[in-house]
Amino acid sequence: MGLKNYICALEKSVIRVCKGYDLKAKTLPETGVWIEDRKIAAIGVHASRYVTTHGISLNCNPDLHWFDHIVPCGIEGKSVTSLSKELGRNVEITEVTRLFLQSFSELFNCEIKENERQH
């Protein structure tokens, strides 16, 4: 899988999560995942010597007030949203994790295994 397809698959993982909440998410020419002109997820990928590291920021329930003080991702005229704002209820990360992992494993045709945590 090339880098462009890799990033598209990450975006599709987030779009499928949003669809699970009956939200119509999409990609735009700008980076990330959007609901209309509101950014709900950012994706960052670093590739070097055939190894990738990535980060996905799907806004579940952040304090969106802080985004009023910046131009998110340097994109003028767009805003930021969250699952909580779009759904009108609090959406915790723990609620979304299972949906995201399921979507990710389907798109990347892989099995997700949880590690046992030591307490």
Protein backbone atom coordinates (compact mmCIF):
# COMPACT_ATOMS: atom_id res chain seq x y z
CA MET A 1 0.00 0.00 0.00
CA GLY A 2 1.38 3.37 -1.00
CA LEU A 3 1.49 6.33 1.37
CA LYS A 4 -1.43 8.13 -0.29
CA ASN A 5 -3.66 5.03 -0.06
CA TYR A 6 -2.52 4.53 3.53
CA ILE A 7 -3.65 8.02 4.51
CA CYS A 8 -6.93 7.56 2.60
CA ALA A 9 -7.57 4.32 4.53
CA LEU A 10 -6.96 6.12 7.83
CA GLU A 11 -9.43 8.81 6.78
CA LYS A 12 -11.96 6.15 5.76
CA SER A 13 -11.60 4.56 9.19
CA VAL A 14 -12.72 7.82 10.79
CA ILE A 15 -15.48 8.35 8.21
CA ARG A 16 -16.88 4.90 9.05
CA VAL A 17 -16.89 5.75 12.76
CA CYS A 18 -18.85 8.92 12.03
CA LYS A 19 -21.26 6.93 9.85
CA GLY A 20 -21.84 4.65 12.85
CA TYR A 21 -23.24 7.74 14.58
CA ASP A 22 -25.31 8.71 11.50
CA LEU A 23 -22.97 11.61 10.76
CA LYS A 24 -22.03 12.35 7.15
CA ALA A 25 -18.26 12.82 7.23
CA LYS A 26 -16.05 13.29 4.19
CA THR A 27 -12.66 14.38 3.00
CA LEU A 28 -12.01 17.76 1.38
CA PRO A 29 -9.00 19.09 -0.52
CA GLU A 30 -7.74 20.23 2.89
CA THR A 31 -6.33 17.53 5.13
CA GLY A 32 -8.41 15.63 7.66
CA VAL A 33 -12.01 14.49 7.94
CA TRP A 34 -14.89 16.96 7.79
CA ILE A 35 -18.57 17.32 8.52
CA GLU A 36 -19.60 20.03 6.07
CA ASP A 37 -16.93 22.73 6.69
CA ARG A 38 -16.19 21.64 10.26
CA LYS A 39 -13.09 19.55 10.89
CA ILE A 40 -13.78 16.56 13.13
CA ALA A 41 -10.48 14.70 12.70
CA ALA A 42 -6.86 15.42 11.88
CA ILE A 43 -4.39 12.87 10.59
CA GLY A 44 -0.63 13.05 10.75
CA VAL A 45 1.70 10.53 9.13
CA HIS A 46 5.48 10.26 9.11
CA ALA A 47 7.15 7.81 6.76
CA SER A 48 10.83 6.96 6.70
CA ARG A 49 12.65 3.89 5.42
CA TYR A 50 9.41 1.94 4.89
CA VAL A 51 8.25 2.53 8.46
CA THR A 52 5.28 4.72 9.23
CA THR A 53 4.11 6.32 12.43
CA HIS A 54 0.75 7.96 12.51
CA GLY A 55 -1.61 9.89 14.66
CA ILE A 56 -5.33 10.32 14.35
CA SER A 57 -7.13 12.95 16.32
CA LEU A 58 -10.87 12.29 16.25
CA ASN A 59 -12.51 14.97 18.35
CA CYS A 60 -14.79 13.21 20.80
CA ASN A 61 -15.43 15.75 23.55
CA PRO A 62 -12.74 18.46 23.65
CA ASP A 63 -13.29 21.99 24.89
CA LEU A 64 -13.77 23.57 21.47
CA HIS A 65 -13.51 27.07 22.95
CA TRP A 66 -9.71 26.92 22.59
CA PHE A 67 -10.03 26.66 18.81
CA ASP A 68 -11.56 30.17 18.79
CA HIS A 69 -8.05 31.54 19.47
CA ILE A 70 -6.23 29.88 16.57
CA VAL A 71 -6.60 29.08 12.89
CA PRO A 72 -6.85 25.29 13.14
CA CYS A 73 -4.33 23.57 10.85
CA GLY A 74 -3.73 26.96 9.23
CA ILE A 75 -6.98 26.69 7.25
CA GLU A 76 -8.86 30.00 7.14
CA GLY A 77 -12.66 30.09 7.11
CA LYS A 78 -13.20 26.61 8.56
CA SER A 79 -14.12 25.54 12.06
CA VAL A 80 -13.61 22.54 14.31
CA THR A 81 -16.28 20.25 15.66
CA SER A 82 -16.57 17.11 17.76
CA LEU A 83 -18.75 14.04 18.04
CA SER A 84 -20.23 15.52 21.23
CA LYS A 85 -21.14 18.80 19.53
CA GLU A 86 -22.60 17.12 16.44
CA LEU A 87 -24.65 14.63 18.47
CA GLY A 88 -25.67 17.03 21.23
CA ARG A 89 -24.46 14.71 23.98
CA ASN A 90 -21.21 13.80 25.68
CA VAL A 91 -19.24 11.20 23.71
CA GLU A 92 -16.29 9.71 25.59
CA ILE A 93 -13.18 8.28 23.94
CA THR A 94 -13.90 4.87 25.48
CA GLU A 95 -17.22 4.79 23.62
CA VAL A 96 -15.57 5.47 20.26
CA THR A 97 -12.50 3.24 20.62
CA ARG A 98 -14.26 -0.04 19.81
CA LEU A 99 -15.90 1.43 16.68
CA PHE A 100 -12.62 2.87 15.47
CA LEU A 101 -10.65 -0.34 16.04
CA GLN A 102 -13.31 -2.34 14.20
CA SER A 103 -13.26 0.06 11.25
CA PHE A 104 -9.45 0.12 11.19
CA SER A 105 -9.15 -3.67 11.26
CA GLU A 106 -11.66 -4.05 8.42
CA LEU A 107 -9.97 -1.49 6.16
CA PHE A 108 -6.47 -2.77 6.85
CA ASN A 109 -7.56 -6.42 6.86
CA CYS A 110 -5.90 -7.09 10.19
CA GLU A 111 -6.78 -8.41 13.62
CA ILE A 112 -6.53 -6.10 16.62
CA LYS A 113 -5.34 -7.79 19.80
CA GLU A 114 -5.44 -6.14 23.17
CA ASN A 115 -2.42 -6.47 25.41
CA GLU A 116 -2.99 -7.46 28.99
CA ARG A 117 -2.09 -4.54 31.18
CA GLN A 118 -0.16 -5.05 34.36
CA HIS A 119 -1.51 -3.22 37.38
